Full PDB file with SEQRES, HELIX, SHEET, SSBOND, CRYST1, ORIGX, SCALE, CONECT and MASTER records, all heavy atoms in Angstrom:
SEQRES   1 A   42  PHE ASP GLY ALA ARG HIS ASP SER GLY ASP PRO PHE ALA          
SEQRES   2 A   42  TRP GLY GLU GLN ILE ILE ALA HIS TYR LYS LEU ASN ARG          
SEQRES   3 A   42  VAL ASP PRO LEU ASN LYS VAL LEU ILE PHE SER ASP GLY          
SEQRES   4 A   42  LEU THR VAL                                                  
HELIX    1 AA1 PRO A   11  LEU A   24  1                                  14    
HELIX    2 AA2 PRO A   29  ASN A   31  5                                   3    
SHEET    1 AA1 2 GLY A   3  HIS A   6  0                                        
SHEET    2 AA1 2 VAL A  33  PHE A  36  1                                        
CRYST1    1.000    1.000    1.000  90.00  90.00  90.00 P 1           1          
ORIGX1      1.000000  0.000000  0.000000        0.00000                         
ORIGX2      0.000000  1.000000  0.000000        0.00000                         
ORIGX3      0.000000  0.000000  1.000000        0.00000                         
SCALE1      1.000000  0.000000  0.000000        0.00000                         
SCALE2      0.000000  1.000000  0.000000        0.00000                         
SCALE3      0.000000  0.000000  1.000000        0.00000                         
ATOM      1  N   PHE A   1       0.828  -1.202   0.000  1.00  0.00           N  
ATOM      2  CA  PHE A   1       0.000   0.000   0.000  1.00  0.00           C  
ATOM      3  C   PHE A   1       0.867   1.258   0.000  1.00  0.00           C  
ATOM      4  O   PHE A   1       1.955   1.278   0.565  1.00  0.00           O  
ATOM      5  CB  PHE A   1      -0.938   0.001   1.214  1.00  0.00           C  
ATOM      6  CG  PHE A   1      -2.164  -0.862   1.033  1.00  0.00           C  
ATOM      7  CD1 PHE A   1      -2.087  -2.241   1.158  1.00  0.00           C  
ATOM      8  CD2 PHE A   1      -3.386  -0.285   0.732  1.00  0.00           C  
ATOM      9  CE1 PHE A   1      -3.209  -3.037   0.991  1.00  0.00           C  
ATOM     10  CE2 PHE A   1      -4.522  -1.067   0.568  1.00  0.00           C  
ATOM     11  CZ  PHE A   1      -4.441  -2.449   0.693  1.00  0.00           C  
ATOM     12  N   ASP A   2       0.339   2.307  -0.610  1.00  0.00           N  
ATOM     13  CA  ASP A   2       1.085   3.564  -0.730  1.00  0.00           C  
ATOM     14  C   ASP A   2       1.126   4.347   0.569  1.00  0.00           C  
ATOM     15  O   ASP A   2       1.979   5.228   0.736  1.00  0.00           O  
ATOM     16  CB  ASP A   2       0.452   4.455  -1.808  1.00  0.00           C  
ATOM     17  CG  ASP A   2       0.550   3.837  -3.188  1.00  0.00           C  
ATOM     18  OD1 ASP A   2       1.560   3.172  -3.471  1.00  0.00           O  
ATOM     19  OD2 ASP A   2      -0.393   4.015  -3.987  1.00  0.00           O  
ATOM     20  N   GLY A   3       0.177   4.077   1.466  1.00  0.00           N  
ATOM     21  CA  GLY A   3       0.141   4.827   2.710  1.00  0.00           C  
ATOM     22  C   GLY A   3      -1.129   4.541   3.477  1.00  0.00           C  
ATOM     23  O   GLY A   3      -1.833   3.567   3.206  1.00  0.00           O  
ATOM     24  N   ALA A   4      -1.452   5.407   4.440  1.00  0.00           N  
ATOM     25  CA  ALA A   4      -2.609   5.205   5.304  1.00  0.00           C  
ATOM     26  C   ALA A   4      -3.300   6.541   5.549  1.00  0.00           C  
ATOM     27  O   ALA A   4      -2.688   7.609   5.444  1.00  0.00           O  
ATOM     28  CB  ALA A   4      -2.176   4.578   6.630  1.00  0.00           C  
ATOM     29  N   ARG A   5      -4.593   6.448   5.907  1.00  0.00           N  
ATOM     30  CA  ARG A   5      -5.388   7.648   6.165  1.00  0.00           C  
ATOM     31  C   ARG A   5      -5.847   7.682   7.612  1.00  0.00           C  
ATOM     32  O   ARG A   5      -6.348   6.684   8.136  1.00  0.00           O  
ATOM     33  CB  ARG A   5      -6.602   7.717   5.230  1.00  0.00           C  
ATOM     34  CG  ARG A   5      -7.515   8.918   5.501  1.00  0.00           C  
ATOM     35  CD  ARG A   5      -8.430   9.204   4.322  1.00  0.00           C  
ATOM     36  NE  ARG A   5      -9.515   8.275   4.164  1.00  0.00           N  
ATOM     37  CZ  ARG A   5     -10.733   8.413   4.709  1.00  0.00           C  
ATOM     38  NH1 ARG A   5     -10.987   9.445   5.508  1.00  0.00           N  
ATOM     39  NH2 ARG A   5     -11.671   7.538   4.470  1.00  0.00           N  
ATOM     40  N   HIS A   6      -5.688   8.850   8.237  1.00  0.00           N  
ATOM     41  CA  HIS A   6      -6.131   9.079   9.610  1.00  0.00           C  
ATOM     42  C   HIS A   6      -7.517   9.708   9.600  1.00  0.00           C  
ATOM     43  O   HIS A   6      -7.768  10.665   8.872  1.00  0.00           O  
ATOM     44  CB  HIS A   6      -5.154  10.021  10.321  1.00  0.00           C  
ATOM     45  CG  HIS A   6      -5.655  10.493  11.649  1.00  0.00           C  
ATOM     46  ND1 HIS A   6      -6.396  11.643  11.805  1.00  0.00           N  
ATOM     47  CD2 HIS A   6      -5.528   9.954  12.893  1.00  0.00           C  
ATOM     48  CE1 HIS A   6      -6.704  11.801  13.083  1.00  0.00           C  
ATOM     49  NE2 HIS A   6      -6.189  10.804  13.763  1.00  0.00           N  
ATOM     50  N   ASP A   7      -8.439   9.184  10.450  1.00  0.00           N  
ATOM     51  CA  ASP A   7      -9.774   9.760  10.501  1.00  0.00           C  
ATOM     52  C   ASP A   7     -10.366   9.796  11.905  1.00  0.00           C  
ATOM     53  O   ASP A   7     -11.547  10.078  12.073  1.00  0.00           O  
ATOM     54  CB  ASP A   7     -10.726   9.023   9.550  1.00  0.00           C  
ATOM     55  CG  ASP A   7     -11.943   9.866   9.189  1.00  0.00           C  
ATOM     56  OD1 ASP A   7     -11.749  11.033   8.805  1.00  0.00           O  
ATOM     57  OD2 ASP A   7     -13.074   9.368   9.304  1.00  0.00           O  
ATOM     58  N   SER A   8      -9.579   9.461  12.928  1.00  0.00           N  
ATOM     59  CA  SER A   8     -10.059   9.601  14.309  1.00  0.00           C  
ATOM     60  C   SER A   8      -8.879   9.479  15.269  1.00  0.00           C  
ATOM     61  O   SER A   8      -7.842   8.928  14.929  1.00  0.00           O  
ATOM     62  CB  SER A   8     -11.119   8.537  14.638  1.00  0.00           C  
ATOM     63  OG  SER A   8     -10.576   7.242  14.580  1.00  0.00           O  
ATOM     64  N   GLY A   9      -9.079   9.979  16.493  1.00  0.00           N  
ATOM     65  CA  GLY A   9      -8.014   9.949  17.485  1.00  0.00           C  
ATOM     66  C   GLY A   9      -7.017  11.080  17.291  1.00  0.00           C  
ATOM     67  O   GLY A   9      -7.165  11.939  16.413  1.00  0.00           O  
ATOM     68  N   ASP A  10      -5.991  11.091  18.113  1.00  0.00           N  
ATOM     69  CA  ASP A  10      -4.957  12.125  18.075  1.00  0.00           C  
ATOM     70  C   ASP A  10      -4.119  11.988  16.806  1.00  0.00           C  
ATOM     71  O   ASP A  10      -3.391  11.006  16.650  1.00  0.00           O  
ATOM     72  CB  ASP A  10      -4.060  11.994  19.313  1.00  0.00           C  
ATOM     73  CG  ASP A  10      -2.995  13.079  19.401  1.00  0.00           C  
ATOM     74  OD1 ASP A  10      -2.668  13.705  18.378  1.00  0.00           O  
ATOM     75  OD2 ASP A  10      -2.477  13.285  20.510  1.00  0.00           O  
ATOM     76  N   PRO A  11      -4.189  12.957  15.878  1.00  0.00           N  
ATOM     77  CA  PRO A  11      -3.460  12.809  14.613  1.00  0.00           C  
ATOM     78  C   PRO A  11      -1.945  12.850  14.779  1.00  0.00           C  
ATOM     79  O   PRO A  11      -1.218  12.214  14.000  1.00  0.00           O  
ATOM     80  CB  PRO A  11      -3.961  13.992  13.777  1.00  0.00           C  
ATOM     81  CG  PRO A  11      -4.388  15.009  14.779  1.00  0.00           C  
ATOM     82  CD  PRO A  11      -4.931  14.227  15.935  1.00  0.00           C  
ATOM     83  N   PHE A  12      -1.460  13.587  15.773  1.00  0.00           N  
ATOM     84  CA  PHE A  12      -0.015  13.680  15.977  1.00  0.00           C  
ATOM     85  C   PHE A  12       0.539  12.348  16.483  1.00  0.00           C  
ATOM     86  O   PHE A  12       1.565  11.856  15.984  1.00  0.00           O  
ATOM     87  CB  PHE A  12       0.297  14.814  16.962  1.00  0.00           C  
ATOM     88  CG  PHE A  12      -0.112  16.165  16.467  1.00  0.00           C  
ATOM     89  CD1 PHE A  12      -1.354  16.697  16.806  1.00  0.00           C  
ATOM     90  CD2 PHE A  12       0.730  16.906  15.652  1.00  0.00           C  
ATOM     91  CE1 PHE A  12      -1.748  17.944  16.347  1.00  0.00           C  
ATOM     92  CE2 PHE A  12       0.345  18.160  15.188  1.00  0.00           C  
ATOM     93  CZ  PHE A  12      -0.899  18.678  15.532  1.00  0.00           C  
ATOM     94  N   ALA A  13      -0.142  11.750  17.453  1.00  0.00           N  
ATOM     95  CA  ALA A  13       0.271  10.435  17.952  1.00  0.00           C  
ATOM     96  C   ALA A  13       0.153   9.387  16.861  1.00  0.00           C  
ATOM     97  O   ALA A  13       1.024   8.515  16.713  1.00  0.00           O  
ATOM     98  CB  ALA A  13      -0.571  10.045  19.168  1.00  0.00           C  
ATOM     99  N   TRP A  14      -0.925   9.469  16.060  1.00  0.00           N  
ATOM    100  CA  TRP A  14      -1.124   8.514  14.963  1.00  0.00           C  
ATOM    101  C   TRP A  14       0.027   8.574  13.965  1.00  0.00           C  
ATOM    102  O   TRP A  14       0.581   7.543  13.574  1.00  0.00           O  
ATOM    103  CB  TRP A  14      -2.446   8.823  14.257  1.00  0.00           C  
ATOM    104  CG  TRP A  14      -2.739   7.962  13.066  1.00  0.00           C  
ATOM    105  CD1 TRP A  14      -3.367   6.751  13.059  1.00  0.00           C  
ATOM    106  CD2 TRP A  14      -2.425   8.254  11.684  1.00  0.00           C  
ATOM    107  NE1 TRP A  14      -3.470   6.270  11.770  1.00  0.00           N  
ATOM    108  CE2 TRP A  14      -2.893   7.172  10.914  1.00  0.00           C  
ATOM    109  CE3 TRP A  14      -1.797   9.304  11.043  1.00  0.00           C  
ATOM    110  CZ2 TRP A  14      -2.753   7.127   9.532  1.00  0.00           C  
ATOM    111  CZ3 TRP A  14      -1.646   9.268   9.668  1.00  0.00           C  
ATOM    112  CH2 TRP A  14      -2.122   8.191   8.920  1.00  0.00           C  
ATOM    113  N   GLY A  15       0.397   9.785  13.563  1.00  0.00           N  
ATOM    114  CA  GLY A  15       1.482   9.930  12.595  1.00  0.00           C  
ATOM    115  C   GLY A  15       2.781   9.348  13.105  1.00  0.00           C  
ATOM    116  O   GLY A  15       3.514   8.673  12.357  1.00  0.00           O  
ATOM    117  N   GLU A  16       3.095   9.594  14.369  1.00  0.00           N  
ATOM    118  CA  GLU A  16       4.322   9.041  14.943  1.00  0.00           C  
ATOM    119  C   GLU A  16       4.276   7.514  14.967  1.00  0.00           C  
ATOM    120  O   GLU A  16       5.279   6.847  14.682  1.00  0.00           O  
ATOM    121  CB  GLU A  16       4.536   9.584  16.356  1.00  0.00           C  
ATOM    122  CG  GLU A  16       4.753  11.093  16.435  1.00  0.00           C  
ATOM    123  CD  GLU A  16       6.034  11.557  15.757  1.00  0.00           C  
ATOM    124  OE1 GLU A  16       6.897  10.710  15.433  1.00  0.00           O  
ATOM    125  OE2 GLU A  16       6.182  12.788  15.550  1.00  0.00           O  
ATOM    126  N   GLN A  17       3.108   6.959  15.288  1.00  0.00           N  
ATOM    127  CA  GLN A  17       2.974   5.505  15.329  1.00  0.00           C  
ATOM    128  C   GLN A  17       3.128   4.887  13.939  1.00  0.00           C  
ATOM    129  O   GLN A  17       3.768   3.841  13.785  1.00  0.00           O  
ATOM    130  CB  GLN A  17       1.624   5.116  15.928  1.00  0.00           C  
ATOM    131  CG  GLN A  17       1.516   5.329  17.422  1.00  0.00           C  
ATOM    132  CD  GLN A  17       0.122   5.020  17.938  1.00  0.00           C  
ATOM    133  OE1 GLN A  17      -0.825   5.762  17.715  1.00  0.00           O  
ATOM    134  NE2 GLN A  17      -0.015   3.899  18.616  1.00  0.00           N  
ATOM    135  N   ILE A  18       2.540   5.522  12.939  1.00  0.00           N  
ATOM    136  CA  ILE A  18       2.626   4.989  11.578  1.00  0.00           C  
ATOM    137  C   ILE A  18       4.072   5.040  11.079  1.00  0.00           C  
ATOM    138  O   ILE A  18       4.589   4.067  10.493  1.00  0.00           O  
ATOM    139  CB  ILE A  18       1.692   5.757  10.633  1.00  0.00           C  
ATOM    140  CG1 ILE A  18       0.226   5.552  11.015  1.00  0.00           C  
ATOM    141  CG2 ILE A  18       1.925   5.322   9.184  1.00  0.00           C  
ATOM    142  CD1 ILE A  18      -0.296   4.149  10.817  1.00  0.00           C  
ATOM    143  N   ILE A  19       4.746   6.156  11.298  1.00  0.00           N  
ATOM    144  CA  ILE A  19       6.148   6.270  10.861  1.00  0.00           C  
ATOM    145  C   ILE A  19       7.013   5.222  11.558  1.00  0.00           C  
ATOM    146  O   ILE A  19       7.848   4.553  10.926  1.00  0.00           O  
ATOM    147  CB  ILE A  19       6.661   7.701  11.116  1.00  0.00           C  
ATOM    148  CG1 ILE A  19       6.022   8.670  10.118  1.00  0.00           C  
ATOM    149  CG2 ILE A  19       8.181   7.763  11.020  1.00  0.00           C  
ATOM    150  CD1 ILE A  19       6.350  10.131  10.365  1.00  0.00           C  
ATOM    151  N   ALA A  20       6.830   5.064  12.869  1.00  0.00           N  
ATOM    152  CA  ALA A  20       7.600   4.054  13.608  1.00  0.00           C  
ATOM    153  C   ALA A  20       7.298   2.659  13.089  1.00  0.00           C  
ATOM    154  O   ALA A  20       8.202   1.809  12.994  1.00  0.00           O  
ATOM    155  CB  ALA A  20       7.279   4.150  15.097  1.00  0.00           C  
ATOM    156  N   HIS A  21       6.040   2.421  12.727  1.00  0.00           N  
ATOM    157  CA  HIS A  21       5.642   1.101  12.216  1.00  0.00           C  
ATOM    158  C   HIS A  21       6.314   0.809  10.872  1.00  0.00           C  
ATOM    159  O   HIS A  21       6.782  -0.309  10.634  1.00  0.00           O  
ATOM    160  CB  HIS A  21       4.119   1.051  12.074  1.00  0.00           C  
ATOM    161  CG  HIS A  21       3.581  -0.281  11.668  1.00  0.00           C  
ATOM    162  ND1 HIS A  21       3.594  -1.382  12.502  1.00  0.00           N  
ATOM    163  CD2 HIS A  21       3.007  -0.700  10.499  1.00  0.00           C  
ATOM    164  CE1 HIS A  21       3.040  -2.416  11.879  1.00  0.00           C  
ATOM    165  NE2 HIS A  21       2.687  -2.031  10.660  1.00  0.00           N  
ATOM    166  N   TYR A  22       6.379   1.806  10.007  1.00  0.00           N  
ATOM    167  CA  TYR A  22       7.068   1.620   8.729  1.00  0.00           C  
ATOM    168  C   TYR A  22       8.549   1.287   8.962  1.00  0.00           C  
ATOM    169  O   TYR A  22       9.099   0.367   8.336  1.00  0.00           O  
ATOM    170  CB  TYR A  22       6.940   2.869   7.860  1.00  0.00           C  
ATOM    171  CG  TYR A  22       5.650   2.953   7.080  1.00  0.00           C  
ATOM    172  CD1 TYR A  22       4.850   4.097   7.129  1.00  0.00           C  
ATOM    173  CD2 TYR A  22       5.231   1.897   6.279  1.00  0.00           C  
ATOM    174  CE1 TYR A  22       3.669   4.173   6.405  1.00  0.00           C  
ATOM    175  CE2 TYR A  22       4.059   1.971   5.553  1.00  0.00           C  
ATOM    176  CZ  TYR A  22       3.276   3.102   5.623  1.00  0.00           C  
ATOM    177  OH  TYR A  22       2.103   3.176   4.909  1.00  0.00           O  
ATOM    178  N   LYS A  23       9.171   2.023   9.842  1.00  0.00           N  
ATOM    179  CA  LYS A  23      10.591   1.766  10.116  1.00  0.00           C  
ATOM    180  C   LYS A  23      10.795   0.368  10.686  1.00  0.00           C  
ATOM    181  O   LYS A  23      11.762  -0.330  10.335  1.00  0.00           O  
ATOM    182  CB  LYS A  23      11.134   2.821  11.070  1.00  0.00           C  
ATOM    183  CG  LYS A  23      11.238   4.214  10.454  1.00  0.00           C  
ATOM    184  CD  LYS A  23      11.748   5.230  11.465  1.00  0.00           C  
ATOM    185  CE  LYS A  23      11.901   6.607  10.844  1.00  0.00           C  
ATOM    186  NZ  LYS A  23      12.334   7.625  11.842  1.00  0.00           N  
ATOM    187  N   LEU A  24       9.900  -0.054  11.571  1.00  0.00           N  
ATOM    188  CA  LEU A  24       9.981  -1.390  12.157  1.00  0.00           C  
ATOM    189  C   LEU A  24       9.887  -2.469  11.094  1.00  0.00           C  
ATOM    190  O   LEU A  24      10.508  -3.543  11.211  1.00  0.00           O  
ATOM    191  CB  LEU A  24       8.859  -1.566  13.185  1.00  0.00           C  
ATOM    192  CG  LEU A  24       8.837  -2.875  13.979  1.00  0.00           C  
ATOM    193  CD1 LEU A  24      10.070  -2.980  14.884  1.00  0.00           C  
ATOM    194  CD2 LEU A  24       7.561  -2.969  14.809  1.00  0.00           C  
ATOM    195  N   ASN A  25       9.140  -2.187  10.035  1.00  0.00           N  
ATOM    196  CA  ASN A  25       8.966  -3.154   8.953  1.00  0.00           C  
ATOM    197  C   ASN A  25       9.898  -2.885   7.771  1.00  0.00           C  
ATOM    198  O   ASN A  25       9.629  -3.329   6.648  1.00  0.00           O  
ATOM    199  CB  ASN A  25       7.503  -3.146   8.488  1.00  0.00           C  
ATOM    200  CG  ASN A  25       6.587  -3.855   9.465  1.00  0.00           C  
ATOM    201  OD1 ASN A  25       6.456  -5.077   9.433  1.00  0.00           O  
ATOM    202  ND2 ASN A  25       5.951  -3.091  10.346  1.00  0.00           N  
ATOM    203  N   ARG A  26      10.959  -2.148   8.042  1.00  0.00           N  
ATOM    204  CA  ARG A  26      12.028  -1.900   7.061  1.00  0.00           C  
ATOM    205  C   ARG A  26      11.508  -1.225   5.792  1.00  0.00           C  
ATOM    206  O   ARG A  26      11.897  -1.562   4.663  1.00  0.00           O  
ATOM    207  CB  ARG A  26      12.744  -3.209   6.720  1.00  0.00           C  
ATOM    208  CG  ARG A  26      13.536  -3.767   7.906  1.00  0.00           C  
ATOM    209  CD  ARG A  26      14.299  -5.009   7.530  1.00  0.00           C  
ATOM    210  NE  ARG A  26      13.417  -6.135   7.289  1.00  0.00           N  
ATOM    211  CZ  ARG A  26      13.788  -7.269   6.707  1.00  0.00           C  
ATOM    212  NH1 ARG A  26      15.039  -7.418   6.299  1.00  0.00           N  
ATOM    213  NH2 ARG A  26      12.936  -8.251   6.531  1.00  0.00           N  
ATOM    214  N   VAL A  27      10.592  -0.282   5.999  1.00  0.00           N  
ATOM    215  CA  VAL A  27      10.041   0.515   4.899  1.00  0.00           C  
ATOM    216  C   VAL A  27      10.384   1.977   5.171  1.00  0.00           C  
ATOM    217  O   VAL A  27      10.179   2.474   6.274  1.00  0.00           O  
ATOM    218  CB  VAL A  27       8.512   0.335   4.800  1.00  0.00           C  
ATOM    219  CG1 VAL A  27       7.925   1.306   3.780  1.00  0.00           C  
ATOM    220  CG2 VAL A  27       8.167  -1.106   4.417  1.00  0.00           C  
ATOM    221  N   ASP A  28      10.903   2.664   4.176  1.00  0.00           N  
ATOM    222  CA  ASP A  28      11.273   4.067   4.324  1.00  0.00           C  
ATOM    223  C   ASP A  28      10.010   4.925   4.312  1.00  0.00           C  
ATOM    224  O   ASP A  28       9.310   4.983   3.287  1.00  0.00           O  
ATOM    225  CB  ASP A  28      12.197   4.481   3.171  1.00  0.00           C  
ATOM    226  CG  ASP A  28      12.738   5.903   3.340  1.00  0.00           C  
ATOM    227  OD1 ASP A  28      12.274   6.614   4.251  1.00  0.00           O  
ATOM    228  OD2 ASP A  28      13.616   6.288   2.534  1.00  0.00           O  
ATOM    229  N   PRO A  29       9.698   5.621   5.406  1.00  0.00           N  
ATOM    230  CA  PRO A  29       8.488   6.460   5.434  1.00  0.00           C  
ATOM    231  C   PRO A  29       8.477   7.550   4.369  1.00  0.00           C  
ATOM    232  O   PRO A  29       7.400   8.029   3.994  1.00  0.00           O  
ATOM    233  CB  PRO A  29       8.518   7.076   6.839  1.00  0.00           C  
ATOM    234  CG  PRO A  29       9.393   6.187   7.645  1.00  0.00           C  
ATOM    235  CD  PRO A  29      10.417   5.636   6.692  1.00  0.00           C  
ATOM    236  N   LEU A  30       9.653   7.942   3.890  1.00  0.00           N  
ATOM    237  CA  LEU A  30       9.697   8.970   2.852  1.00  0.00           C  
ATOM    238  C   LEU A  30       9.032   8.511   1.558  1.00  0.00           C  
ATOM    239  O   LEU A  30       8.670   9.337   0.713  1.00  0.00           O  
ATOM    240  CB  LEU A  30      11.149   9.373   2.572  1.00  0.00           C  
ATOM    241  CG  LEU A  30      11.821  10.221   3.660  1.00  0.00           C  
ATOM    242  CD1 LEU A  30      13.299  10.389   3.357  1.00  0.00           C  
ATOM    243  CD2 LEU A  30      11.139  11.586   3.790  1.00  0.00           C  
ATOM    244  N   ASN A  31       8.869   7.204   1.414  1.00  0.00           N  
ATOM    245  CA  ASN A  31       8.210   6.659   0.221  1.00  0.00           C  
ATOM    246  C   ASN A  31       6.722   6.418   0.441  1.00  0.00           C  
ATOM    247  O   ASN A  31       6.052   5.877  -0.448  1.00  0.00           O  
ATOM    248  CB  ASN A  31       8.881   5.344  -0.192  1.00  0.00           C  
ATOM    249  CG  ASN A  31      10.321   5.545  -0.628  1.00  0.00           C  
ATOM    250  OD1 ASN A  31      10.655   6.565  -1.237  1.00  0.00           O  
ATOM    251  ND2 ASN A  31      11.193   4.587  -0.314  1.00  0.00           N  
ATOM    252  N   LYS A  32       6.210   6.789   1.610  1.00  0.00           N  
ATOM    253  CA  LYS A  32       4.817   6.505   1.944  1.00  0.00           C  
ATOM    254  C   LYS A  32       4.056   7.802   2.223  1.00  0.00           C  
ATOM    255  O   LYS A  32       4.630   8.806   2.639  1.00  0.00           O  
ATOM    256  CB  LYS A  32       4.735   5.582   3.160  1.00  0.00           C  
ATOM    257  CG  LYS A  32       5.380   4.214   2.923  1.00  0.00           C  
ATOM    258  CD  LYS A  32       4.664   3.449   1.807  1.00  0.00           C  
ATOM    259  CE  LYS A  32       5.326   2.117   1.498  1.00  0.00           C  
ATOM    260  NZ  LYS A  32       4.621   1.369   0.428  1.00  0.00           N  
ATOM    261  N   VAL A  33       2.737   7.741   2.018  1.00  0.00           N  
ATOM    262  CA  VAL A  33       1.867   8.908   2.186  1.00  0.00           C  
ATOM    263  C   VAL A  33       1.038   8.765   3.461  1.00  0.00           C  
ATOM    264  O   VAL A  33       0.411   7.724   3.685  1.00  0.00           O  
ATOM    265  CB  VAL A  33       0.907   9.062   0.988  1.00  0.00           C  
ATOM    266  CG1 VAL A  33       0.078  10.342   1.142  1.00  0.00           C  
ATOM    267  CG2 VAL A  33       1.663   9.065  -0.322  1.00  0.00           C  
ATOM    268  N   LEU A  34       1.043   9.798   4.270  1.00  0.00           N  
ATOM    269  CA  LEU A  34       0.145   9.885   5.414  1.00  0.00           C  
ATOM    270  C   LEU A  34      -0.913  10.934   5.079  1.00  0.00           C  
ATOM    271  O   LEU A  34      -0.581  12.090   4.797  1.00  0.00           O  
ATOM    272  CB  LEU A  34       0.893  10.284   6.687  1.00  0.00           C  
ATOM    273  CG  LEU A  34       1.508   9.148   7.529  1.00  0.00           C  
ATOM    274  CD1 LEU A  34       2.520   8.353   6.731  1.00  0.00           C  
ATOM    275  CD2 LEU A  34       2.131   9.719   8.795  1.00  0.00           C  
ATOM    276  N   ILE A  35      -2.179  10.502   5.085  1.00  0.00           N  
ATOM    277  CA  ILE A  35      -3.287  11.406   4.783  1.00  0.00           C  
ATOM    278  C   ILE A  35      -4.054  11.692   6.069  1.00  0.00           C  
ATOM    279  O   ILE A  35      -4.456  10.771   6.781  1.00  0.00           O  
ATOM    280  CB  ILE A  35      -4.233  10.799   3.725  1.00  0.00           C  
ATOM    281  CG1 ILE A  35      -3.481  10.583   2.406  1.00  0.00           C  
ATOM    282  CG2 ILE A  35      -5.442  11.701   3.505  1.00  0.00           C  
ATOM    283  CD1 ILE A  35      -4.327   9.975   1.303  1.00  0.00           C  
ATOM    284  N   PHE A  36      -4.254  12.959   6.347  1.00  0.00           N  
ATOM    285  CA  PHE A  36      -5.018  13.381   7.522  1.00  0.00           C  
ATOM    286  C   PHE A  36      -6.351  13.949   7.051  1.00  0.00           C  
ATOM    287  O   PHE A  36      -6.381  14.806   6.160  1.00  0.00           O  
ATOM    288  CB  PHE A  36      -4.232  14.431   8.310  1.00  0.00           C  
ATOM    289  CG  PHE A  36      -2.951  13.918   8.898  1.00  0.00           C  
ATOM    290  CD1 PHE A  36      -1.774  13.943   8.164  1.00  0.00           C  
ATOM    291  CD2 PHE A  36      -2.917  13.380  10.175  1.00  0.00           C  
ATOM    292  CE1 PHE A  36      -0.577  13.467   8.699  1.00  0.00           C  
ATOM    293  CE2 PHE A  36      -1.728  12.898  10.723  1.00  0.00           C  
ATOM    294  CZ  PHE A  36      -0.561  12.936   9.981  1.00  0.00           C  
ATOM    295  N   SER A  37      -7.455  13.492   7.672  1.00  0.00           N  
ATOM    296  CA  SER A  37      -8.767  13.914   7.165  1.00  0.00           C  
ATOM    297  C   SER A  37      -9.822  14.053   8.262  1.00  0.00           C  
ATOM    298  O   SER A  37     -11.008  14.079   7.970  1.00  0.00           O  
ATOM    299  CB  SER A  37      -9.267  12.906   6.121  1.00  0.00           C  
ATOM    300  OG  SER A  37      -9.457  11.617   6.696  1.00  0.00           O  
ATOM    301  N   ASP A  38      -9.402  14.130   9.522  1.00  0.00           N  
ATOM    302  CA  ASP A  38     -10.366  14.135  10.621  1.00  0.00           C  
ATOM    303  C   ASP A  38     -10.616  15.546  11.150  1.00  0.00           C  
ATOM    304  O   ASP A  38      -9.814  16.087  11.912  1.00  0.00           O  
ATOM    305  CB  ASP A  38      -9.854  13.248  11.767  1.00  0.00           C  
ATOM    306  CG  ASP A  38     -10.804  13.233  12.953  1.00  0.00           C  
ATOM    307  OD1 ASP A  38     -12.013  13.383  12.737  1.00  0.00           O  
ATOM    308  OD2 ASP A  38     -10.336  13.062  14.089  1.00  0.00           O  
ATOM    309  N   GLY A  39     -11.736  16.154  10.725  1.00  0.00           N  
ATOM    310  CA  GLY A  39     -12.140  17.446  11.261  1.00  0.00           C  
ATOM    311  C   GLY A  39     -11.089  18.526  11.151  1.00  0.00           C  
ATOM    312  O   GLY A  39     -10.950  19.350  12.058  1.00  0.00           O  
ATOM    313  N   LEU A  40     -10.359  18.541  10.054  1.00  0.00           N  
ATOM    314  CA  LEU A  40      -9.237  19.476   9.944  1.00  0.00           C  
ATOM    315  C   LEU A  40      -9.685  20.919   9.745  1.00  0.00           C  
ATOM    316  O   LEU A  40     -10.670  21.198   9.067  1.00  0.00           O  
ATOM    317  CB  LEU A  40      -8.330  19.084   8.772  1.00  0.00           C  
ATOM    318  CG  LEU A  40      -7.499  17.811   8.912  1.00  0.00           C  
ATOM    319  CD1 LEU A  40      -6.607  17.654   7.690  1.00  0.00           C  
ATOM    320  CD2 LEU A  40      -6.678  17.821  10.180  1.00  0.00           C  
ATOM    321  N   THR A  41      -8.924  21.825  10.338  1.00  0.00           N  
ATOM    322  CA  THR A  41      -8.950  23.244  10.005  1.00  0.00           C  
ATOM    323  C   THR A  41      -7.596  23.566   9.381  1.00  0.00           C  
ATOM    324  O   THR A  41      -6.654  22.770   9.465  1.00  0.00           O  
ATOM    325  CB  THR A  41      -9.146  24.098  11.260  1.00  0.00           C  
ATOM    326  OG1 THR A  41      -8.025  23.880  12.140  1.00  0.00           O  
ATOM    327  CG2 THR A  41     -10.440  23.734  11.979  1.00  0.00           C  
ATOM    328  N   VAL A  42      -7.478  24.739   8.779  1.00  0.00           N  
ATOM    329  CA  VAL A  42      -6.190  25.097   8.180  1.00  0.00           C  
ATOM    330  C   VAL A  42      -5.098  25.241   9.239  1.00  0.00           C  
ATOM    331  O   VAL A  42      -3.987  24.733   9.059  1.00  0.00           O  
ATOM    332  CB  VAL A  42      -6.326  26.362   7.308  1.00  0.00           C  
ATOM    333  CG1 VAL A  42      -4.952  26.891   6.896  1.00  0.00           C  
ATOM    334  CG2 VAL A  42      -7.153  26.041   6.057  1.00  0.00           C  
TER     335      VAL A  42                                                      
MASTER        0    0    0    2    2    0    0    6  334    1    0    4          
END                                                                             
C-alpha cells in the first residue's frame, strides 16, 4: 500500500505511530503517504 489515512483519534500520535511502524517493517516512510482527514482546520 502507498500509505494510510487518519480519521479519528490524536493525529499527531497517529502519525508518529505509523512512521515508527514503517521503520519497524524496514520501509522508508519517505516513500509513503500519510493522509489526515479528521475534522481538519487550516
